[in-house]
Amino acid sequence: MALDDVQTYCDNGIWKTRWRNSTEPFSAGRNKHQQISQGATVAQWYGVDHIVINPDGTVAEHNSYRYRREPEAQAS
């Protein structure tokens, strides 16, 4: 399974977290800091990037946790 980055964003005043290419959040509600923490935790678990988007659409943070991923097995 290919893993995608995690994105935390604000939608109509509600902070949400989703897989970057998904339209559905896997976490919503709470406040901004709790959603950012949730997104960072999931990104760390899966070894992907966590991107925080400001309400105006600009990138506030972009943190990479890819160094934590196990190297993929190479075919011999």
Protein backbone atom coordinates (compact mmCIF):
# COMPACT_ATOMS: atom_id res chain seq x y z
CA MET A 1 0.00 0.00 0.00
CA ALA A 2 1.39 3.37 -0.99
CA LEU A 3 1.28 5.85 1.85
CA ASP A 4 0.32 9.45 1.35
CA ASP A 5 1.14 12.52 3.43
CA VAL A 6 -1.08 13.76 6.26
CA GLN A 7 -2.64 17.20 6.00
CA THR A 8 -4.17 19.35 8.77
CA TYR A 9 -6.37 22.20 7.56
CA CYS A 10 -9.21 24.51 8.54
CA ASP A 11 -12.58 24.06 6.81
CA ASN A 12 -15.28 26.63 7.66
CA GLY A 13 -13.68 27.28 11.05
CA ILE A 14 -13.29 23.60 11.96
CA TRP A 15 -9.79 22.10 12.05
CA LYS A 16 -9.53 18.70 10.37
CA THR A 17 -6.89 16.12 9.50
CA ARG A 18 -6.89 13.82 6.46
CA TRP A 19 -4.67 11.87 4.10
CA ARG A 20 -3.51 14.47 1.57
CA ASN A 21 -5.30 13.10 -1.50
CA SER A 22 -8.48 12.19 0.37
CA THR A 23 -11.58 14.35 0.53
CA GLU A 24 -12.70 12.89 3.87
CA PRO A 25 -10.97 13.81 7.15
CA PHE A 26 -10.12 11.00 9.57
CA SER A 27 -10.20 13.45 12.48
CA ALA A 28 -12.19 16.66 12.97
CA GLY A 29 -13.25 19.04 15.69
CA ARG A 30 -11.15 19.88 18.68
CA ASN A 31 -8.94 22.94 18.41
CA LYS A 32 -6.10 23.74 16.00
CA HIS A 33 -3.32 22.54 18.30
CA GLN A 34 -5.02 19.21 19.02
CA GLN A 35 -5.57 18.57 15.30
CA ILE A 36 -1.94 19.44 14.53
CA SER A 37 -0.83 17.03 17.27
CA GLN A 38 -3.12 14.31 15.90
CA GLY A 39 -1.78 14.80 12.36
CA ALA A 40 1.84 14.76 13.49
CA THR A 41 1.29 11.58 15.48
CA VAL A 42 -0.26 9.76 12.52
CA ALA A 43 2.48 11.01 10.18
CA GLN A 44 5.12 9.71 12.62
CA TRP A 45 3.39 6.31 12.87
CA TYR A 46 3.38 5.92 9.08
CA GLY A 47 6.69 7.67 8.36
CA VAL A 48 5.19 10.31 6.04
CA ASP A 49 5.10 14.11 5.88
CA HIS A 50 2.69 16.25 7.92
CA ILE A 51 1.54 19.44 6.22
CA VAL A 52 -0.37 22.14 8.11
CA ILE A 53 -2.44 24.47 5.92
CA ASN A 54 -3.52 27.94 7.13
CA PRO A 55 -7.16 28.98 6.66
CA ASP A 56 -6.02 31.15 3.71
CA GLY A 57 -4.57 28.08 1.93
CA THR A 58 -0.88 28.81 2.54
CA VAL A 59 1.42 26.21 4.08
CA ALA A 60 2.12 26.97 7.75
CA GLU A 61 4.31 23.93 8.45
CA HIS A 62 5.75 21.01 6.52
CA ASN A 63 7.39 18.36 8.69
CA SER A 64 8.87 15.16 7.33
CA TYR A 65 8.93 11.92 9.30
CA ARG A 66 10.11 9.82 6.33
CA TYR A 67 13.43 9.08 8.00
CA ARG A 68 11.48 6.88 10.43
CA ARG A 69 10.26 4.52 7.70
CA GLU A 70 11.81 1.15 7.21
CA PRO A 71 13.60 0.85 3.90
CA GLU A 72 11.44 -1.03 1.43
CA ALA A 73 12.64 -4.49 0.47
CA GLN A 74 14.46 -4.53 -2.84
CA ALA A 75 13.96 -7.32 -5.30
CA SER A 76 17.12 -9.27 -6.06
